[in-house]
Amino acid sequence: MLYPFPSRTPASPELAFLLLRLAENIVFPVTGVLGDGEPHADSFALDEVGCILLSALRDWTRDSPTTAVLGIARSIIRFVENVIPDLDDHGDTRATLETMRDEHLEWARAVQSMTARP
């Protein structure tokens, strides 16, 4: 569902690109095919849905960065509310997002340590 944009001054293009990076950091870990489990048809379907969502957000950001901000923010919120499980039983997904962030940082550190030059 598309939402009408309020008649406010458009946001800066930098904010749209920042939100797009945020969306990628949330969507990829949740929808990507896991390397440690046995992939199945549902895994690949979810992976494709994540790719389609991010592709649409990238197109929107590229075509209209100053008006895309609100839509990207709403897409992130809806994705988090509807796809990411509530692991802390408090009605929000804070713990899940924090775990995802920590895992992403650990992965980045591991990659950086493997590519570090002596």
N, C-alpha and C. Protein backbone atom coordinates (compact mmCIF):
# COMPACT_ATOMS: atom_id res chain seq x y z
N MET A 1 0.84 -1.17 0.00
CA MET A 1 0.00 0.00 0.00
C MET A 1 0.89 1.23 0.00
N LEU A 2 0.62 2.17 -0.88
CA LEU A 2 1.36 3.42 -0.92
C LEU A 2 0.69 4.44 -0.04
N TYR A 3 1.49 5.19 0.65
CA TYR A 3 0.98 6.22 1.53
C TYR A 3 1.18 7.58 0.89
N PRO A 4 0.23 8.48 1.06
CA PRO A 4 0.44 9.83 0.54
C PRO A 4 1.52 10.52 1.35
N PHE A 5 2.32 11.30 0.69
CA PHE A 5 3.37 12.04 1.38
C PHE A 5 2.80 13.33 1.92
N PRO A 6 3.18 13.68 3.15
CA PRO A 6 2.71 14.95 3.69
C PRO A 6 3.33 16.10 2.91
N SER A 7 2.67 17.21 2.90
CA SER A 7 3.18 18.36 2.14
C SER A 7 4.18 19.13 3.01
N ARG A 8 5.34 18.54 3.17
CA ARG A 8 6.44 19.14 3.91
C ARG A 8 7.60 19.33 2.97
N THR A 9 8.59 20.04 3.43
CA THR A 9 9.80 20.20 2.64
C THR A 9 10.45 18.83 2.49
N PRO A 10 10.83 18.45 1.29
CA PRO A 10 11.44 17.13 1.10
C PRO A 10 12.72 16.98 1.91
N ALA A 11 13.01 15.76 2.32
CA ALA A 11 14.22 15.46 3.08
C ALA A 11 15.43 15.50 2.16
N SER A 12 16.60 15.55 2.78
CA SER A 12 17.83 15.59 1.98
C SER A 12 18.09 14.22 1.34
N PRO A 13 18.75 14.20 0.19
CA PRO A 13 19.06 12.93 -0.46
C PRO A 13 19.96 12.04 0.40
N GLU A 14 20.81 12.66 1.22
CA GLU A 14 21.70 11.88 2.08
C GLU A 14 20.91 11.02 3.06
N LEU A 15 19.80 11.52 3.56
CA LEU A 15 18.98 10.76 4.49
C LEU A 15 18.38 9.53 3.80
N ALA A 16 17.98 9.68 2.55
CA ALA A 16 17.43 8.55 1.81
C ALA A 16 18.49 7.46 1.66
N PHE A 17 19.71 7.82 1.34
CA PHE A 17 20.78 6.83 1.18
C PHE A 17 21.15 6.21 2.52
N LEU A 18 21.11 6.98 3.60
CA LEU A 18 21.36 6.45 4.93
C LEU A 18 20.28 5.42 5.31
N LEU A 19 19.03 5.76 5.05
CA LEU A 19 17.94 4.82 5.33
C LEU A 19 18.04 3.57 4.46
N LEU A 20 18.48 3.72 3.24
CA LEU A 20 18.66 2.56 2.37
C LEU A 20 19.72 1.63 2.95
N ARG A 21 20.83 2.17 3.43
CA ARG A 21 21.87 1.34 4.07
C ARG A 21 21.32 0.64 5.30
N LEU A 22 20.50 1.36 6.08
CA LEU A 22 19.87 0.77 7.25
C LEU A 22 18.96 -0.40 6.83
N ALA A 23 18.17 -0.18 5.79
CA ALA A 23 17.29 -1.24 5.30
C ALA A 23 18.10 -2.46 4.88
N GLU A 24 19.21 -2.25 4.19
CA GLU A 24 20.05 -3.37 3.77
C GLU A 24 20.59 -4.14 4.97
N ASN A 25 21.01 -3.41 6.01
CA ASN A 25 21.55 -4.06 7.20
C ASN A 25 20.50 -4.83 7.98
N ILE A 26 19.24 -4.51 7.80
CA ILE A 26 18.17 -5.24 8.47
C ILE A 26 17.63 -6.36 7.58
N VAL A 27 17.41 -6.08 6.30
CA VAL A 27 16.76 -7.04 5.41
C VAL A 27 17.69 -8.20 5.04
N PHE A 28 18.94 -7.92 4.67
CA PHE A 28 19.84 -9.00 4.24
C PHE A 28 20.01 -10.10 5.28
N PRO A 29 20.32 -9.78 6.54
CA PRO A 29 20.50 -10.87 7.52
C PRO A 29 19.23 -11.70 7.76
N VAL A 30 18.07 -11.09 7.60
CA VAL A 30 16.82 -11.79 7.88
C VAL A 30 16.37 -12.65 6.71
N THR A 31 16.59 -12.18 5.49
CA THR A 31 16.06 -12.89 4.32
C THR A 31 17.10 -13.73 3.58
N GLY A 32 18.38 -13.50 3.83
CA GLY A 32 19.41 -14.21 3.09
C GLY A 32 19.41 -15.71 3.39
N VAL A 33 19.79 -16.49 2.41
CA VAL A 33 19.90 -17.94 2.58
C VAL A 33 21.04 -18.21 3.55
N LEU A 34 20.75 -18.95 4.59
CA LEU A 34 21.76 -19.23 5.62
C LEU A 34 22.78 -20.23 5.11
N GLY A 35 24.02 -19.99 5.49
CA GLY A 35 25.08 -20.89 5.09
C GLY A 35 25.22 -22.09 6.01
N ASP A 36 24.69 -22.01 7.23
CA ASP A 36 24.88 -23.10 8.18
C ASP A 36 23.72 -24.08 8.24
N GLY A 37 22.64 -23.79 7.55
CA GLY A 37 21.49 -24.71 7.54
C GLY A 37 21.31 -25.33 6.17
N GLU A 38 20.41 -26.26 6.10
CA GLU A 38 20.10 -26.91 4.83
C GLU A 38 19.10 -26.04 4.08
N PRO A 39 19.49 -25.44 2.93
CA PRO A 39 18.55 -24.58 2.19
C PRO A 39 17.38 -25.40 1.63
N HIS A 40 16.24 -24.75 1.55
CA HIS A 40 15.06 -25.38 0.96
C HIS A 40 14.30 -24.31 0.17
N ALA A 41 13.20 -24.69 -0.46
CA ALA A 41 12.47 -23.77 -1.35
C ALA A 41 12.05 -22.50 -0.63
N ASP A 42 11.60 -22.61 0.61
CA ASP A 42 11.18 -21.41 1.35
C ASP A 42 12.34 -20.47 1.61
N SER A 43 13.54 -21.02 1.82
CA SER A 43 14.72 -20.18 2.04
C SER A 43 14.96 -19.29 0.83
N PHE A 44 14.90 -19.90 -0.34
CA PHE A 44 15.17 -19.14 -1.55
C PHE A 44 14.06 -18.14 -1.86
N ALA A 45 12.83 -18.49 -1.52
CA ALA A 45 11.72 -17.55 -1.72
C ALA A 45 11.89 -16.33 -0.84
N LEU A 46 12.24 -16.54 0.43
CA LEU A 46 12.45 -15.41 1.34
C LEU A 46 13.63 -14.56 0.89
N ASP A 47 14.69 -15.21 0.43
CA ASP A 47 15.85 -14.49 -0.07
C ASP A 47 15.45 -13.60 -1.25
N GLU A 48 14.64 -14.14 -2.15
CA GLU A 48 14.21 -13.37 -3.32
C GLU A 48 13.31 -12.20 -2.92
N VAL A 49 12.43 -12.43 -1.94
CA VAL A 49 11.57 -11.34 -1.46
C VAL A 49 12.43 -10.21 -0.89
N GLY A 50 13.46 -10.56 -0.12
CA GLY A 50 14.36 -9.53 0.42
C GLY A 50 15.06 -8.77 -0.68
N CYS A 51 15.53 -9.49 -1.70
CA CYS A 51 16.20 -8.83 -2.84
C CYS A 51 15.25 -7.90 -3.58
N ILE A 52 14.01 -8.33 -3.77
CA ILE A 52 13.02 -7.49 -4.47
C ILE A 52 12.72 -6.23 -3.67
N LEU A 53 12.53 -6.38 -2.36
CA LEU A 53 12.26 -5.21 -1.52
C LEU A 53 13.42 -4.22 -1.60
N LEU A 54 14.64 -4.70 -1.45
CA LEU A 54 15.78 -3.80 -1.49
C LEU A 54 15.96 -3.18 -2.87
N SER A 55 15.68 -3.94 -3.92
CA SER A 55 15.77 -3.40 -5.27
C SER A 55 14.78 -2.26 -5.46
N ALA A 56 13.55 -2.45 -4.98
CA ALA A 56 12.54 -1.40 -5.09
C ALA A 56 12.96 -0.16 -4.30
N LEU A 57 13.50 -0.37 -3.11
CA LEU A 57 13.94 0.78 -2.31
C LEU A 57 15.12 1.49 -2.97
N ARG A 58 16.03 0.72 -3.58
CA ARG A 58 17.15 1.35 -4.29
C ARG A 58 16.66 2.17 -5.48
N ASP A 59 15.71 1.61 -6.24
CA ASP A 59 15.16 2.36 -7.37
C ASP A 59 14.51 3.64 -6.90
N TRP A 60 13.74 3.55 -5.84
CA TRP A 60 13.06 4.72 -5.30
C TRP A 60 14.07 5.78 -4.86
N THR A 61 15.13 5.33 -4.19
CA THR A 61 16.16 6.25 -3.73
C THR A 61 16.88 6.90 -4.91
N ARG A 62 17.14 6.11 -5.94
CA ARG A 62 17.83 6.63 -7.12
C ARG A 62 16.95 7.62 -7.89
N ASP A 63 15.68 7.27 -8.05
CA ASP A 63 14.80 8.09 -8.88
C ASP A 63 14.29 9.34 -8.17
N SER A 64 14.13 9.27 -6.86
CA SER A 64 13.58 10.41 -6.14
C SER A 64 14.06 10.43 -4.69
N PRO A 65 15.35 10.68 -4.49
CA PRO A 65 15.90 10.57 -3.14
C PRO A 65 15.27 11.51 -2.12
N THR A 66 14.84 12.67 -2.54
CA THR A 66 14.28 13.61 -1.56
C THR A 66 12.86 13.26 -1.14
N THR A 67 12.14 12.49 -1.93
CA THR A 67 10.79 12.11 -1.53
C THR A 67 10.70 10.67 -1.06
N ALA A 68 11.79 9.92 -1.19
CA ALA A 68 11.77 8.51 -0.82
C ALA A 68 11.91 8.26 0.67
N VAL A 69 12.37 9.24 1.41
CA VAL A 69 12.71 9.06 2.82
C VAL A 69 11.55 8.47 3.62
N LEU A 70 10.40 9.06 3.54
CA LEU A 70 9.26 8.60 4.33
C LEU A 70 8.86 7.18 3.94
N GLY A 71 8.84 6.88 2.66
CA GLY A 71 8.47 5.54 2.21
C GLY A 71 9.48 4.48 2.64
N ILE A 72 10.76 4.81 2.57
CA ILE A 72 11.79 3.87 3.01
C ILE A 72 11.67 3.63 4.50
N ALA A 73 11.49 4.70 5.27
CA ALA A 73 11.33 4.56 6.72
C ALA A 73 10.12 3.69 7.05
N ARG A 74 9.02 3.91 6.39
CA ARG A 74 7.83 3.09 6.62
C ARG A 74 8.05 1.63 6.21
N SER A 75 8.78 1.42 5.13
CA SER A 75 9.09 0.06 4.69
C SER A 75 9.94 -0.66 5.73
N ILE A 76 10.92 0.03 6.29
CA ILE A 76 11.76 -0.57 7.33
C ILE A 76 10.90 -0.93 8.54
N ILE A 77 10.06 -0.01 8.97
CA ILE A 77 9.21 -0.25 10.14
C ILE A 77 8.29 -1.44 9.90
N ARG A 78 7.63 -1.48 8.75
CA ARG A 78 6.71 -2.59 8.46
C ARG A 78 7.46 -3.92 8.37
N PHE A 79 8.65 -3.91 7.77
CA PHE A 79 9.44 -5.13 7.67
C PHE A 79 9.79 -5.62 9.07
N VAL A 80 10.27 -4.71 9.92
CA VAL A 80 10.65 -5.09 11.28
C VAL A 80 9.44 -5.62 12.05
N GLU A 81 8.31 -4.94 11.94
CA GLU A 81 7.11 -5.36 12.67
C GLU A 81 6.57 -6.71 12.19
N ASN A 82 6.64 -6.96 10.88
CA ASN A 82 5.98 -8.13 10.32
C ASN A 82 6.88 -9.34 10.05
N VAL A 83 8.19 -9.14 9.99
CA VAL A 83 9.06 -10.23 9.61
C VAL A 83 10.02 -10.65 10.73
N ILE A 84 10.56 -9.69 11.44
CA ILE A 84 11.53 -10.01 12.48
C ILE A 84 10.80 -10.48 13.73
N PRO A 85 11.18 -11.64 14.25
CA PRO A 85 10.47 -12.16 15.44
C PRO A 85 10.75 -11.34 16.68
N ASP A 86 9.79 -11.33 17.58
CA ASP A 86 9.91 -10.64 18.86
C ASP A 86 10.48 -11.64 19.86
N LEU A 87 11.80 -11.61 20.03
CA LEU A 87 12.44 -12.59 20.89
C LEU A 87 12.42 -12.21 22.37
N ASP A 88 12.16 -10.94 22.67
CA ASP A 88 12.22 -10.55 24.08
C ASP A 88 10.86 -10.49 24.76
N ASP A 89 9.78 -10.84 24.07
CA ASP A 89 8.43 -10.91 24.63
C ASP A 89 7.96 -9.61 25.28
N HIS A 90 8.47 -8.49 24.83
CA HIS A 90 8.04 -7.20 25.36
C HIS A 90 7.28 -6.38 24.33
N GLY A 91 6.89 -6.99 23.23
CA GLY A 91 6.13 -6.28 22.22
C GLY A 91 6.97 -5.47 21.25
N ASP A 92 8.29 -5.62 21.31
CA ASP A 92 9.13 -4.95 20.32
C ASP A 92 10.23 -5.91 19.89
N THR A 93 11.02 -5.50 18.95
CA THR A 93 12.06 -6.37 18.42
C THR A 93 13.45 -5.85 18.77
N ARG A 94 13.55 -5.05 19.81
CA ARG A 94 14.83 -4.45 20.18
C ARG A 94 15.93 -5.50 20.36
N ALA A 95 15.64 -6.55 21.14
CA ALA A 95 16.66 -7.57 21.40
C ALA A 95 17.11 -8.24 20.11
N THR A 96 16.18 -8.52 19.23
CA THR A 96 16.52 -9.15 17.95
C THR A 96 17.41 -8.23 17.12
N LEU A 97 17.05 -6.96 17.03
CA LEU A 97 17.85 -6.01 16.25
C LEU A 97 19.24 -5.83 16.86
N GLU A 98 19.32 -5.80 18.19
CA GLU A 98 20.62 -5.68 18.84
C GLU A 98 21.48 -6.91 18.57
N THR A 99 20.87 -8.09 18.59
CA THR A 99 21.61 -9.31 18.28
C THR A 99 22.11 -9.28 16.84
N MET A 100 21.25 -8.84 15.92
CA MET A 100 21.65 -8.74 14.52
C MET A 100 22.82 -7.77 14.37
N ARG A 101 22.74 -6.64 15.07
CA ARG A 101 23.83 -5.65 15.00
C ARG A 101 25.12 -6.25 15.52
N ASP A 102 25.06 -6.93 16.67
CA ASP A 102 26.26 -7.53 17.26
C ASP A 102 26.86 -8.59 16.34
N GLU A 103 26.00 -9.42 15.73
CA GLU A 103 26.49 -10.44 14.81
C GLU A 103 27.13 -9.80 13.58
N HIS A 104 26.53 -8.71 13.10
CA HIS A 104 27.09 -8.00 11.94
C HIS A 104 28.47 -7.44 12.29
N LEU A 105 28.61 -6.87 13.48
CA LEU A 105 29.90 -6.33 13.90
C LEU A 105 30.95 -7.43 14.04
N GLU A 106 30.55 -8.58 14.61
CA GLU A 106 31.48 -9.70 14.73
C GLU A 106 31.92 -10.18 13.36
N TRP A 107 30.97 -10.28 12.43
CA TRP A 107 31.30 -10.71 11.07
C TRP A 107 32.27 -9.72 10.42
N ALA A 108 32.00 -8.43 10.57
CA ALA A 108 32.86 -7.40 9.97
C ALA A 108 34.26 -7.46 10.56
N ARG A 109 34.35 -7.67 11.87
CA ARG A 109 35.67 -7.78 12.51
C ARG A 109 36.42 -9.01 12.00
N ALA A 110 35.70 -10.12 11.85
CA ALA A 110 36.34 -11.35 11.36
C ALA A 110 36.86 -11.15 9.94
N VAL A 111 36.07 -10.53 9.09
CA VAL A 111 36.51 -10.27 7.71
C VAL A 111 37.70 -9.34 7.71
N GLN A 112 37.64 -8.30 8.55
CA GLN A 112 38.75 -7.35 8.60
C GLN A 112 40.03 -8.02 9.10
N SER A 113 39.91 -8.90 10.08
CA SER A 113 41.11 -9.56 10.60
C SER A 113 41.71 -10.52 9.57
N MET A 114 40.87 -11.13 8.72
CA MET A 114 41.37 -12.03 7.68
C MET A 114 42.08 -11.27 6.57
N THR A 115 41.67 -10.03 6.35
CA THR A 115 42.27 -9.25 5.26
C THR A 115 43.35 -8.30 5.75
N ALA A 116 43.58 -8.27 7.08
CA ALA A 116 44.59 -7.36 7.63
C ALA A 116 45.96 -7.79 7.16
N ARG A 117 46.77 -6.80 6.88
CA ARG A 117 48.14 -7.08 6.42
C ARG A 117 49.07 -7.00 7.61
N PRO A 118 50.07 -7.90 7.66
CA PRO A 118 51.02 -7.91 8.79
C PRO A 118 51.93 -6.71 8.78
